[in-house]
Amino acid sequence: MAVRQVDSSSHVVQFYEREGELVDSVAPYLLSSLRTGGTAVVIATEAHRRDFDAALGHAGFDAAAAIAAGSLVVLDAADTLAKLMTDGRLDTDRFDAEVGTLVRDLASIGPVSAYGEMVAVLWEQGQVGAAVELESLWNGLAEKLPFSLLCAYPLDSVGAEDQIAQLHAVCHLHTDVLGGVDPAGRGVSSRHFEGTVGVTAARHFVLGAIAVAGLQRIADEIAIVVTELATNAVIHARSVFAVTVLIQEDTVRVAVRDHSTAFPQPREAAPTALGGRGLGLVGAVARWGVEAVTGGKTVWAELHG
């Protein structure tokens, strides 16, 4: 799976299959900030903190000296997460007191680049809704303060069939998704589209992903699903839309998020009608459903190759 360097001004999420992929993204991201006079914040598990420290050392950077100087702040993901909880639930005030105060203090000095995996800890604990909520809190902080953010999730943890709407929400809350689909047929990709030209672009986007995964045998079915769901977003929701595709071996899950709260309603189209058959076509080739999300909805479909 190809690894792209993270832009220092973006809010990015990475879905990784191997630990090396994560290190290959995080280490250059941290170094880019540290070597240009910025501050880096790492909120990670102990194992990943050791990996990042080793990678920085191999690059000729003295992490211990940076920590002592205050330009590198390293925190444990589980310990920090515990400070954000009240009675087992995320507490907005505690997030602001712990994370917000830290970022505000550092941002007053210079550029800040943060890496966090508290969201992955929550997701792996089964607290998927809380993970999305925490992503939203990070986004809210970003609306007030200038900093870059990289979050990461193990690919194995995000593939449950009942979590596609939440997975799509995570992608939607970031400016870019790192990872993509690999030739082994695994990965997550997500992009935003607009208008009727976006329908064609979305279809090419998803077909490109399944081609990389070697699933061209279901290309016709995928094309129907993406075209119909994207068209509904344009015609009925009348909004920009985002498409997320999750591929795990021979299972493909496609989700389309728009900004309308109205759920699609399957209907029987008259023989002479020019429209009204979209969801029927989707249902003929895939299992599909719809989930309400903040500010809109996500319509998803699942196919097997």
C-alpha atoms as a PDB file:
ATOM      1  CA  MET A   1       0.000   0.000   0.000  1.00  0.00           C
ATOM      2  CA  ALA A   2       1.543   3.287  -1.088  1.00  0.00           C
ATOM      3  CA  VAL A   3       2.330   5.839   1.585  1.00  0.00           C
ATOM      4  CA  ARG A   4       2.079   9.545   0.849  1.00  0.00           C
ATOM      5  CA  GLN A   5       3.729  12.193   2.992  1.00  0.00           C
ATOM      6  CA  VAL A   6       1.239  14.152   5.074  1.00  0.00           C
ATOM      7  CA  ASP A   7       0.781  17.813   4.220  1.00  0.00           C
ATOM      8  CA  SER A   8       1.684  19.881   7.258  1.00  0.00           C
ATOM      9  CA  SER A   9      -1.484  21.985   6.968  1.00  0.00           C
ATOM     10  CA  SER A  10      -4.015  19.183   6.589  1.00  0.00           C
ATOM     11  CA  HIS A  11      -6.204  17.127   8.873  1.00  0.00           C
ATOM     12  CA  VAL A  12      -5.562  13.601   7.666  1.00  0.00           C
ATOM     13  CA  VAL A  13      -6.664  10.096   8.601  1.00  0.00           C
ATOM     14  CA  GLN A  14      -4.644   6.985   7.773  1.00  0.00           C
ATOM     15  CA  PHE A  15      -5.883   3.405   7.632  1.00  0.00           C
ATOM     16  CA  TYR A  16      -2.861   1.122   7.807  1.00  0.00           C
ATOM     17  CA  GLU A  17      -2.378  -2.609   7.444  1.00  0.00           C
ATOM     18  CA  ARG A  18       1.235  -2.923   8.623  1.00  0.00           C
ATOM     19  CA  GLU A  19       2.971  -1.070  11.431  1.00  0.00           C
ATOM     20  CA  GLY A  20       5.721  -0.037   9.027  1.00  0.00           C
ATOM     21  CA  GLU A  21       3.194   1.892   6.917  1.00  0.00           C
ATOM     22  CA  LEU A  22       2.215   3.918   9.955  1.00  0.00           C
ATOM     23  CA  VAL A  23       5.797   4.698  10.928  1.00  0.00           C
ATOM     24  CA  ASP A  24       6.613   5.674   7.329  1.00  0.00           C
ATOM     25  CA  SER A  25       3.894   8.332   7.509  1.00  0.00           C
ATOM     26  CA  VAL A  26       4.224   9.561  11.072  1.00  0.00           C
ATOM     27  CA  ALA A  27       8.020   9.950  11.280  1.00  0.00           C
ATOM     28  CA  PRO A  28       8.363  12.291   8.241  1.00  0.00           C
ATOM     29  CA  TYR A  29       5.292  14.208   9.417  1.00  0.00           C
ATOM     30  CA  LEU A  30       6.858  14.832  12.828  1.00  0.00           C
ATOM     31  CA  LEU A  31      10.278  15.619  11.382  1.00  0.00           C
ATOM     32  CA  SER A  32       8.810  18.144   8.949  1.00  0.00           C
ATOM     33  CA  SER A  33       7.498  20.152  11.877  1.00  0.00           C
ATOM     34  CA  LEU A  34      10.445  19.701  14.215  1.00  0.00           C
ATOM     35  CA  ARG A  35      13.096  20.602  11.640  1.00  0.00           C
ATOM     36  CA  THR A  36      11.328  23.818  10.653  1.00  0.00           C
ATOM     37  CA  GLY A  37      10.984  25.203  14.163  1.00  0.00           C
ATOM     38  CA  GLY A  38       7.525  23.844  14.920  1.00  0.00           C
ATOM     39  CA  THR A  39       6.242  21.717  17.769  1.00  0.00           C
ATOM     40  CA  ALA A  40       5.078  18.118  17.418  1.00  0.00           C
ATOM     41  CA  VAL A  41       2.565  16.383  19.676  1.00  0.00           C
ATOM     42  CA  VAL A  42       2.349  12.592  19.781  1.00  0.00           C
ATOM     43  CA  ILE A  43      -0.534  10.837  21.568  1.00  0.00           C
ATOM     44  CA  ALA A  44       0.104   7.146  20.977  1.00  0.00           C
ATOM     45  CA  THR A  45       0.399   3.685  22.473  1.00  0.00           C
ATOM     46  CA  GLU A  46       3.655   2.677  24.121  1.00  0.00           C
ATOM     47  CA  ALA A  47       4.586   0.367  21.239  1.00  0.00           C
ATOM     48  CA  HIS A  48       4.073   3.090  18.653  1.00  0.00           C
ATOM     49  CA  ARG A  49       5.940   5.656  20.722  1.00  0.00           C
ATOM     50  CA  ARG A  50       8.948   3.319  20.710  1.00  0.00           C
ATOM     51  CA  ASP A  51       8.624   2.848  16.934  1.00  0.00           C
ATOM     52  CA  PHE A  52       8.442   6.589  16.287  1.00  0.00           C
ATOM     53  CA  ASP A  53      11.388   7.273  18.581  1.00  0.00           C
ATOM     54  CA  ALA A  54      13.478   4.699  16.733  1.00  0.00           C
ATOM     55  CA  ALA A  55      12.491   6.141  13.343  1.00  0.00           C
ATOM     56  CA  LEU A  56      13.412   9.651  14.439  1.00  0.00           C
ATOM     57  CA  GLY A  57      16.750   8.353  15.698  1.00  0.00           C
ATOM     58  CA  HIS A  58      17.452   6.608  12.393  1.00  0.00           C
ATOM     59  CA  ALA A  59      16.782   9.928  10.683  1.00  0.00           C
ATOM     60  CA  GLY A  60      19.432  11.566  12.873  1.00  0.00           C
ATOM     61  CA  PHE A  61      17.018  13.382  15.167  1.00  0.00           C
ATOM     62  CA  ASP A  62      17.465  13.392  18.951  1.00  0.00           C
ATOM     63  CA  ALA A  63      13.928  12.858  20.255  1.00  0.00           C
ATOM     64  CA  ALA A  64      14.997  12.932  23.909  1.00  0.00           C
ATOM     65  CA  ALA A  65      16.586  16.353  23.470  1.00  0.00           C
ATOM     66  CA  ALA A  66      13.461  17.639  21.684  1.00  0.00           C
ATOM     67  CA  ILE A  67      11.271  16.391  24.534  1.00  0.00           C
ATOM     68  CA  ALA A  68      13.516  18.101  27.074  1.00  0.00           C
ATOM     69  CA  ALA A  69      13.363  21.321  25.051  1.00  0.00           C
ATOM     70  CA  GLY A  70       9.578  21.138  24.804  1.00  0.00           C
ATOM     71  CA  SER A  71       9.436  20.991  21.011  1.00  0.00           C
ATOM     72  CA  LEU A  72       8.262  17.361  21.098  1.00  0.00           C
ATOM     73  CA  VAL A  73       5.409  16.466  23.453  1.00  0.00           C
ATOM     74  CA  VAL A  74       4.770  12.741  23.873  1.00  0.00           C
ATOM     75  CA  LEU A  75       1.689  11.405  25.681  1.00  0.00           C
ATOM     76  CA  ASP A  76       0.199   7.964  26.214  1.00  0.00           C
ATOM     77  CA  ALA A  77      -3.046   7.444  24.285  1.00  0.00           C
ATOM     78  CA  ALA A  78      -4.873   5.433  26.961  1.00  0.00           C
ATOM     79  CA  ASP A  79      -3.799   7.692  29.833  1.00  0.00           C
ATOM     80  CA  THR A  80      -4.765  10.844  27.955  1.00  0.00           C
ATOM     81  CA  LEU A  81      -8.079   9.350  26.891  1.00  0.00           C
ATOM     82  CA  ALA A  82      -8.903   8.492  30.509  1.00  0.00           C
ATOM     83  CA  LYS A  83      -8.528  12.169  31.390  1.00  0.00           C
ATOM     84  CA  LEU A  84     -11.147  13.074  28.786  1.00  0.00           C
ATOM     85  CA  MET A  85     -13.853  10.776  30.162  1.00  0.00           C
ATOM     86  CA  THR A  86     -16.584  11.347  32.729  1.00  0.00           C
ATOM     87  CA  ASP A  87     -18.607   8.297  33.786  1.00  0.00           C
ATOM     88  CA  GLY A  88     -17.378   6.426  30.724  1.00  0.00           C
ATOM     89  CA  ARG A  89     -18.338   9.184  28.263  1.00  0.00           C
ATOM     90  CA  LEU A  90     -16.307  11.826  26.470  1.00  0.00           C
ATOM     91  CA  ASP A  91     -16.438  15.147  28.258  1.00  0.00           C
ATOM     92  CA  THR A  92     -16.164  18.220  26.021  1.00  0.00           C
ATOM     93  CA  ASP A  93     -14.903  20.400  28.869  1.00  0.00           C
ATOM     94  CA  ARG A  94     -12.204  17.897  29.766  1.00  0.00           C
ATOM     95  CA  PHE A  95     -11.118  17.682  26.130  1.00  0.00           C
ATOM     96  CA  ASP A  96     -10.751  21.440  26.051  1.00  0.00           C
ATOM     97  CA  ALA A  97      -8.904  21.491  29.377  1.00  0.00           C
ATOM     98  CA  GLU A  98      -6.450  18.743  28.417  1.00  0.00           C
ATOM     99  CA  VAL A  99      -6.014  18.794  24.646  1.00  0.00           C
ATOM    100  CA  GLY A 100      -7.291  22.284  23.904  1.00  0.00           C
ATOM    101  CA  THR A 101      -5.064  23.931  26.489  1.00  0.00           C
ATOM    102  CA  LEU A 102      -2.016  22.024  25.240  1.00  0.00           C
ATOM    103  CA  VAL A 103      -2.571  22.968  21.592  1.00  0.00           C
ATOM    104  CA  ARG A 104      -3.408  26.573  22.456  1.00  0.00           C
ATOM    105  CA  ASP A 105      -0.216  26.975  24.485  1.00  0.00           C
ATOM    106  CA  LEU A 106       1.940  25.465  21.756  1.00  0.00           C
ATOM    107  CA  ALA A 107       0.186  27.328  18.926  1.00  0.00           C
ATOM    108  CA  SER A 108       0.974  30.613  20.664  1.00  0.00           C
ATOM    109  CA  ILE A 109       4.668  29.812  20.124  1.00  0.00           C
ATOM    110  CA  GLY A 110       4.622  28.508  16.551  1.00  0.00           C
ATOM    111  CA  PRO A 111       3.274  25.876  14.127  1.00  0.00           C
ATOM    112  CA  VAL A 112       1.891  22.692  15.714  1.00  0.00           C
ATOM    113  CA  SER A 113       1.647  19.230  14.165  1.00  0.00           C
ATOM    114  CA  ALA A 114      -0.300  16.656  16.180  1.00  0.00           C
ATOM    115  CA  TYR A 115      -0.505  12.902  15.773  1.00  0.00           C
ATOM    116  CA  GLY A 116      -3.198  11.042  17.717  1.00  0.00           C
ATOM    117  CA  GLU A 117      -4.553   7.542  18.031  1.00  0.00           C
ATOM    118  CA  MET A 118      -6.964   7.899  20.955  1.00  0.00           C
ATOM    119  CA  VAL A 119      -9.697   7.505  18.358  1.00  0.00           C
ATOM    120  CA  ALA A 120      -8.269   4.118  17.352  1.00  0.00           C
ATOM    121  CA  VAL A 121      -8.215   3.027  21.001  1.00  0.00           C
ATOM    122  CA  LEU A 122     -11.905   3.893  21.315  1.00  0.00           C
ATOM    123  CA  TRP A 123     -12.787   2.142  18.057  1.00  0.00           C
ATOM    124  CA  GLU A 124     -10.985  -1.043  19.032  1.00  0.00           C
ATOM    125  CA  GLN A 125     -12.813  -0.976  22.377  1.00  0.00           C
ATOM    126  CA  GLY A 126     -16.104  -0.988  20.501  1.00  0.00           C
ATOM    127  CA  GLN A 127     -16.829   2.667  21.299  1.00  0.00           C
ATOM    128  CA  VAL A 128     -17.193   3.591  17.659  1.00  0.00           C
ATOM    129  CA  GLY A 129     -19.592   6.460  18.272  1.00  0.00           C
ATOM    130  CA  ALA A 130     -17.209   7.940  20.822  1.00  0.00           C
ATOM    131  CA  ALA A 131     -14.357   7.725  18.297  1.00  0.00           C
ATOM    132  CA  VAL A 132     -16.379   9.762  15.792  1.00  0.00           C
ATOM    133  CA  GLU A 133     -17.306  12.206  18.565  1.00  0.00           C
ATOM    134  CA  LEU A 134     -13.646  12.643  19.474  1.00  0.00           C
ATOM    135  CA  GLU A 135     -12.796  13.279  15.815  1.00  0.00           C
ATOM    136  CA  SER A 136     -15.469  16.003  15.857  1.00  0.00           C
ATOM    137  CA  LEU A 137     -13.930  17.557  18.972  1.00  0.00           C
ATOM    138  CA  TRP A 138     -10.552  17.711  17.224  1.00  0.00           C
ATOM    139  CA  ASN A 139     -12.275  19.380  14.252  1.00  0.00           C
ATOM    140  CA  GLY A 140     -13.946  21.896  16.525  1.00  0.00           C
ATOM    141  CA  LEU A 141     -10.583  22.756  18.002  1.00  0.00           C
ATOM    142  CA  ALA A 142      -9.151  23.172  14.506  1.00  0.00           C
ATOM    143  CA  GLU A 143     -11.816  25.773  13.734  1.00  0.00           C
ATOM    144  CA  LYS A 144     -10.359  27.909  16.530  1.00  0.00           C
ATOM    145  CA  LEU A 145      -6.640  27.148  16.298  1.00  0.00           C
ATOM    146  CA  PRO A 146      -4.187  26.607  13.423  1.00  0.00           C
ATOM    147  CA  PHE A 147      -2.589  23.162  13.637  1.00  0.00           C
ATOM    148  CA  SER A 148      -2.204  20.050  11.518  1.00  0.00           C
ATOM    149  CA  LEU A 149      -3.530  16.678  12.602  1.00  0.00           C
ATOM    150  CA  LEU A 150      -2.858  13.090  11.611  1.00  0.00           C
ATOM    151  CA  CYS A 151      -5.049  10.311  13.058  1.00  0.00           C
ATOM    152  CA  ALA A 152      -4.595   6.605  12.357  1.00  0.00           C
ATOM    153  CA  TYR A 153      -6.619   3.394  12.563  1.00  0.00           C
ATOM    154  CA  PRO A 154      -5.529  -0.209  11.960  1.00  0.00           C
ATOM    155  CA  LEU A 155      -7.372  -1.395   8.861  1.00  0.00           C
ATOM    156  CA  ASP A 156      -8.394  -4.617  10.609  1.00  0.00           C
ATOM    157  CA  SER A 157     -10.409  -2.695  13.183  1.00  0.00           C
ATOM    158  CA  VAL A 158     -12.688  -0.734  10.850  1.00  0.00           C
ATOM    159  CA  GLY A 159     -14.179  -3.388   8.601  1.00  0.00           C
ATOM    160  CA  ALA A 160     -17.330  -4.408  10.467  1.00  0.00           C
ATOM    161  CA  GLU A 161     -20.396  -4.306   8.234  1.00  0.00           C
ATOM    162  CA  ASP A 162     -22.406  -2.350  10.812  1.00  0.00           C
ATOM    163  CA  GLN A 163     -19.796   0.427  11.039  1.00  0.00           C
ATOM    164  CA  ILE A 164     -19.719   1.706   7.449  1.00  0.00           C
ATOM    165  CA  ALA A 165     -21.613   4.922   8.302  1.00  0.00           C
ATOM    166  CA  GLN A 166     -19.218   5.673  11.165  1.00  0.00           C
ATOM    167  CA  LEU A 167     -16.214   4.866   8.976  1.00  0.00           C
ATOM    168  CA  HIS A 168     -17.550   7.253   6.374  1.00  0.00           C
ATOM    169  CA  ALA A 169     -18.046   9.902   9.060  1.00  0.00           C
ATOM    170  CA  VAL A 170     -14.401   9.576  10.086  1.00  0.00           C
ATOM    171  CA  CYS A 171     -13.277  10.049   6.484  1.00  0.00           C
ATOM    172  CA  HIS A 172     -15.612  13.009   6.068  1.00  0.00           C
ATOM    173  CA  LEU A 173     -14.120  14.739   9.115  1.00  0.00           C
ATOM    174  CA  HIS A 174     -10.670  14.874   7.486  1.00  0.00           C
ATOM    175  CA  THR A 175      -9.278  16.705   4.488  1.00  0.00           C
ATOM    176  CA  ASP A 176      -7.526  13.616   3.135  1.00  0.00           C
ATOM    177  CA  VAL A 177      -7.378   9.848   3.576  1.00  0.00           C
ATOM    178  CA  LEU A 178      -4.034   8.042   3.474  1.00  0.00           C
ATOM    179  CA  GLY A 179      -3.729   4.413   2.539  1.00  0.00           C
ATOM    180  CA  GLY A 180      -5.870   3.579  -0.467  1.00  0.00           C
ATOM    181  CA  VAL A 181      -6.516   0.089  -1.770  1.00  0.00           C
ATOM    182  CA  ASP A 182      -3.688  -2.390  -2.294  1.00  0.00           C
ATOM    183  CA  PRO A 183      -3.340  -5.270  -4.783  1.00  0.00           C
ATOM    184  CA  ALA A 184      -4.228  -7.745  -2.035  1.00  0.00           C
ATOM    185  CA  GLY A 185      -7.727  -6.283  -2.068  1.00  0.00           C
ATOM    186  CA  ARG A 186      -7.720  -4.308   1.175  1.00  0.00           C
ATOM    187  CA  GLY A 187      -8.041  -0.652   2.001  1.00  0.00           C
ATOM    188  CA  VAL A 188     -10.140   2.472   2.396  1.00  0.00           C
ATOM    189  CA  SER A 189     -10.449   5.422   0.012  1.00  0.00           C
ATOM    190  CA  SER A 190     -12.680   8.486   0.268  1.00  0.00           C
ATOM    191  CA  ARG A 191     -13.272  11.609  -1.829  1.00  0.00           C
ATOM    192  CA  HIS A 192     -15.683  14.509  -2.193  1.00  0.00           C
ATOM    193  CA  PHE A 193     -17.668  15.233  -5.363  1.00  0.00           C
ATOM    194  CA  GLU A 194     -20.193  17.745  -6.645  1.00  0.00           C
ATOM    195  CA  GLY A 195     -22.842  17.944  -9.346  1.00  0.00           C
ATOM    196  CA  THR A 196     -23.579  15.700 -12.284  1.00  0.00           C
ATOM    197  CA  VAL A 197     -19.923  15.632 -13.317  1.00  0.00           C
ATOM    198  CA  GLY A 198     -19.226  14.336  -9.813  1.00  0.00           C
ATOM    199  CA  VAL A 199     -21.382  11.289 -10.508  1.00  0.00           C
ATOM    200  CA  THR A 200     -19.093  10.242 -13.352  1.00  0.00           C
ATOM    201  CA  ALA A 201     -15.993  11.077 -11.311  1.00  0.00           C
ATOM    202  CA  ALA A 202     -17.290   9.059  -8.348  1.00  0.00           C
ATOM    203  CA  ARG A 203     -17.932   6.046 -10.569  1.00  0.00           C
ATOM    204  CA  HIS A 204     -14.398   6.197 -11.991  1.00  0.00           C
ATOM    205  CA  PHE A 205     -13.002   6.640  -8.480  1.00  0.00           C
ATOM    206  CA  VAL A 206     -14.651   3.477  -7.127  1.00  0.00           C
ATOM    207  CA  LEU A 207     -14.023   1.442 -10.274  1.00  0.00           C
ATOM    208  CA  GLY A 208     -10.364   2.413 -10.028  1.00  0.00           C
ATOM    209  CA  ALA A 209     -10.226   1.127  -6.468  1.00  0.00           C
ATOM    210  CA  ILE A 210     -11.750  -2.244  -7.303  1.00  0.00           C
ATOM    211  CA  ALA A 211      -9.448  -2.571 -10.322  1.00  0.00           C
ATOM    212  CA  VAL A 212      -6.426  -2.245  -8.022  1.00  0.00           C
ATOM    213  CA  ALA A 213      -7.965  -4.935  -5.818  1.00  0.00           C
ATOM    214  CA  GLY A 214      -8.511  -7.232  -8.804  1.00  0.00           C
ATOM    215  CA  LEU A 215     -12.304  -7.194  -8.514  1.00  0.00           C
ATOM    216  CA  GLN A 216     -13.162  -6.152 -12.072  1.00  0.00           C
ATOM    217  CA  ARG A 217     -15.574  -9.107 -12.227  1.00  0.00           C
ATOM    218  CA  ILE A 218     -18.106  -7.048 -10.272  1.00  0.00           C
ATOM    219  CA  ALA A 219     -17.360  -3.787 -12.093  1.00  0.00           C
ATOM    220  CA  ASP A 220     -20.812  -3.635 -13.737  1.00  0.00           C
ATOM    221  CA  GLU A 221     -22.594  -4.073 -10.418  1.00  0.00           C
ATOM    222  CA  ILE A 222     -20.343  -1.526  -8.693  1.00  0.00           C
ATOM    223  CA  ALA A 223     -20.954   0.966 -11.496  1.00  0.00           C
ATOM    224  CA  ILE A 224     -24.726   0.642 -11.006  1.00  0.00           C
ATOM    225  CA  VAL A 225     -24.474   1.135  -7.244  1.00  0.00           C
ATOM    226  CA  VAL A 226     -22.196   4.181  -7.361  1.00  0.00           C
ATOM    227  CA  THR A 227     -24.071   5.822 -10.226  1.00  0.00           C
ATOM    228  CA  GLU A 228     -27.478   5.457  -8.599  1.00  0.00           C
ATOM    229  CA  LEU A 229     -26.433   6.491  -5.084  1.00  0.00           C
ATOM    230  CA  ALA A 230     -24.430   9.462  -6.344  1.00  0.00           C
ATOM    231  CA  THR A 231     -27.244  10.521  -8.677  1.00  0.00           C
ATOM    232  CA  ASN A 232     -29.697  10.452  -5.776  1.00  0.00           C
ATOM    233  CA  ALA A 233     -27.377  12.729  -3.799  1.00  0.00           C
ATOM    234  CA  VAL A 234     -27.284  15.215  -6.664  1.00  0.00           C
ATOM    235  CA  ILE A 235     -30.950  15.146  -7.708  1.00  0.00           C
ATOM    236  CA  HIS A 236     -32.795  14.538  -4.456  1.00  0.00           C
ATOM    237  CA  ALA A 237     -30.400  15.752  -1.755  1.00  0.00           C
ATOM    238  CA  ARG A 238     -29.167  18.591  -4.003  1.00  0.00           C
ATOM    239  CA  SER A 239     -25.870  18.725  -2.178  1.00  0.00           C
ATOM    240  CA  VAL A 240     -22.213  17.977  -2.550  1.00  0.00           C
ATOM    241  CA  PHE A 241     -21.488  14.400  -1.600  1.00  0.00           C
ATOM    242  CA  ALA A 242     -18.656  12.216  -0.427  1.00  0.00           C
ATOM    243  CA  VAL A 243     -17.954   8.628  -1.437  1.00  0.00           C
ATOM    244  CA  THR A 244     -16.096   6.111   0.690  1.00  0.00           C
ATOM    245  CA  VAL A 245     -15.116   2.651  -0.504  1.00  0.00           C
ATOM    246  CA  LEU A 246     -13.922  -0.071   1.872  1.00  0.00           C
ATOM    247  CA  ILE A 247     -12.504  -3.225   0.303  1.00  0.00           C
ATOM    248  CA  GLN A 248     -11.646  -6.332   2.270  1.00  0.00           C
ATOM    249  CA  GLU A 249     -10.682  -9.214   0.035  1.00  0.00           C
ATOM    250  CA  ASP A 250     -13.884  -9.973  -1.951  1.00  0.00           C
ATOM    251  CA  THR A 251     -16.228  -7.671  -0.023  1.00  0.00           C
ATOM    252  CA  VAL A 252     -16.802  -4.123  -1.229  1.00  0.00           C
ATOM    253  CA  ARG A 253     -18.715  -1.570   0.815  1.00  0.00           C
ATOM    254  CA  VAL A 254     -19.567   1.753  -0.813  1.00  0.00           C
ATOM    255  CA  ALA A 255     -21.056   4.653   1.130  1.00  0.00           C
ATOM    256  CA  VAL A 256     -22.356   7.983  -0.159  1.00  0.00           C
ATOM    257  CA  ARG A 257     -22.857  10.822   2.301  1.00  0.00           C
ATOM    258  CA  ASP A 258     -24.922  13.901   1.480  1.00  0.00           C
ATOM    259  CA  HIS A 259     -26.355  16.853   3.393  1.00  0.00           C
ATOM    260  CA  SER A 260     -30.035  15.940   3.277  1.00  0.00           C
ATOM    261  CA  THR A 261     -31.732  14.320   6.262  1.00  0.00           C
ATOM    262  CA  ALA A 262     -34.504  12.863   4.068  1.00  0.00           C
ATOM    263  CA  PHE A 263     -34.123   9.102   3.691  1.00  0.00           C
ATOM    264  CA  PRO A 264     -34.455   7.622   0.192  1.00  0.00           C
ATOM    265  CA  GLN A 265     -37.739   5.816  -0.413  1.00  0.00           C
ATOM    266  CA  PRO A 266     -37.851   2.877  -2.843  1.00  0.00           C
ATOM    267  CA  ARG A 267     -40.887   3.059  -5.094  1.00  0.00           C
ATOM    268  CA  GLU A 268     -42.480   1.255  -7.990  1.00  0.00           C
ATOM    269  CA  ALA A 269     -41.826   3.186 -11.173  1.00  0.00           C
ATOM    270  CA  ALA A 270     -44.405   3.220 -13.946  1.00  0.00           C
ATOM    271  CA  PRO A 271     -43.274   1.423 -17.114  1.00  0.00           C
ATOM    272  CA  THR A 272     -43.080   4.726 -18.986  1.00  0.00           C
ATOM    273  CA  ALA A 273     -41.386   6.673 -16.149  1.00  0.00           C
ATOM    274  CA  LEU A 274     -37.930   8.086 -16.847  1.00  0.00           C
ATOM    275  CA  GLY A 275     -36.776   7.694 -13.227  1.00  0.00           C
ATOM    276  CA  GLY A 276     -37.621   6.087  -9.930  1.00  0.00           C
ATOM    277  CA  ARG A 277     -35.808   2.800 -10.485  1.00  0.00           C
ATOM    278  CA  GLY A 278     -32.473   3.655  -8.865  1.00  0.00           C
ATOM    279  CA  LEU A 279     -32.843   1.959  -5.492  1.00  0.00           C
ATOM    280  CA  GLY A 280     -34.504  -1.023  -7.153  1.00  0.00           C
ATOM    281  CA  LEU A 281     -31.439  -1.430  -9.333  1.00  0.00           C
ATOM    282  CA  VAL A 282     -29.151  -1.110  -6.302  1.00  0.00           C
ATOM    283  CA  GLY A 283     -31.203  -3.655  -4.377  1.00  0.00           C
ATOM    284  CA  ALA A 284     -30.997  -6.082  -7.273  1.00  0.00           C
ATOM    285  CA  VAL A 285     -27.208  -6.269  -7.112  1.00  0.00           C
ATOM    286  CA  ALA A 286     -26.325  -5.358  -3.512  1.00  0.00           C
ATOM    287  CA  ARG A 287     -27.446  -5.241   0.083  1.00  0.00           C
ATOM    288  CA  TRP A 288     -28.014  -1.616   1.058  1.00  0.00           C
ATOM    289  CA  GLY A 289     -29.133   0.598   3.901  1.00  0.00           C
ATOM    290  CA  VAL A 290     -29.162   4.167   5.182  1.00  0.00           C
ATOM    291  CA  GLU A 291     -27.912   5.774   8.400  1.00  0.00           C
ATOM    292  CA  ALA A 292     -28.662   9.219   9.792  1.00  0.00           C
ATOM    293  CA  VAL A 293     -25.526  11.273  10.492  1.00  0.00           C
ATOM    294  CA  THR A 294     -25.011  14.784  11.788  1.00  0.00           C
ATOM    295  CA  GLY A 295     -26.084  17.188   9.082  1.00  0.00           C
ATOM    296  CA  GLY A 296     -27.272  14.556   6.628  1.00  0.00           C
ATOM    297  CA  LYS A 297     -27.260  10.843   5.924  1.00  0.00           C
ATOM    298  CA  THR A 298     -25.104   8.026   4.607  1.00  0.00           C
ATOM    299  CA  VAL A 299     -26.459   5.500   2.114  1.00  0.00           C
ATOM    300  CA  TRP A 300     -24.338   2.367   1.873  1.00  0.00           C
ATOM    301  CA  ALA A 301     -24.250  -0.772  -0.229  1.00  0.00           C
ATOM    302  CA  GLU A 302     -22.349  -4.037   0.121  1.00  0.00           C
ATOM    303  CA  LEU A 303     -21.322  -6.370  -2.680  1.00  0.00           C
ATOM    304  CA  HIS A 304     -19.312  -9.583  -2.800  1.00  0.00           C
ATOM    305  CA  GLY A 305     -16.923 -10.468  -5.580  1.00  0.00           C
END
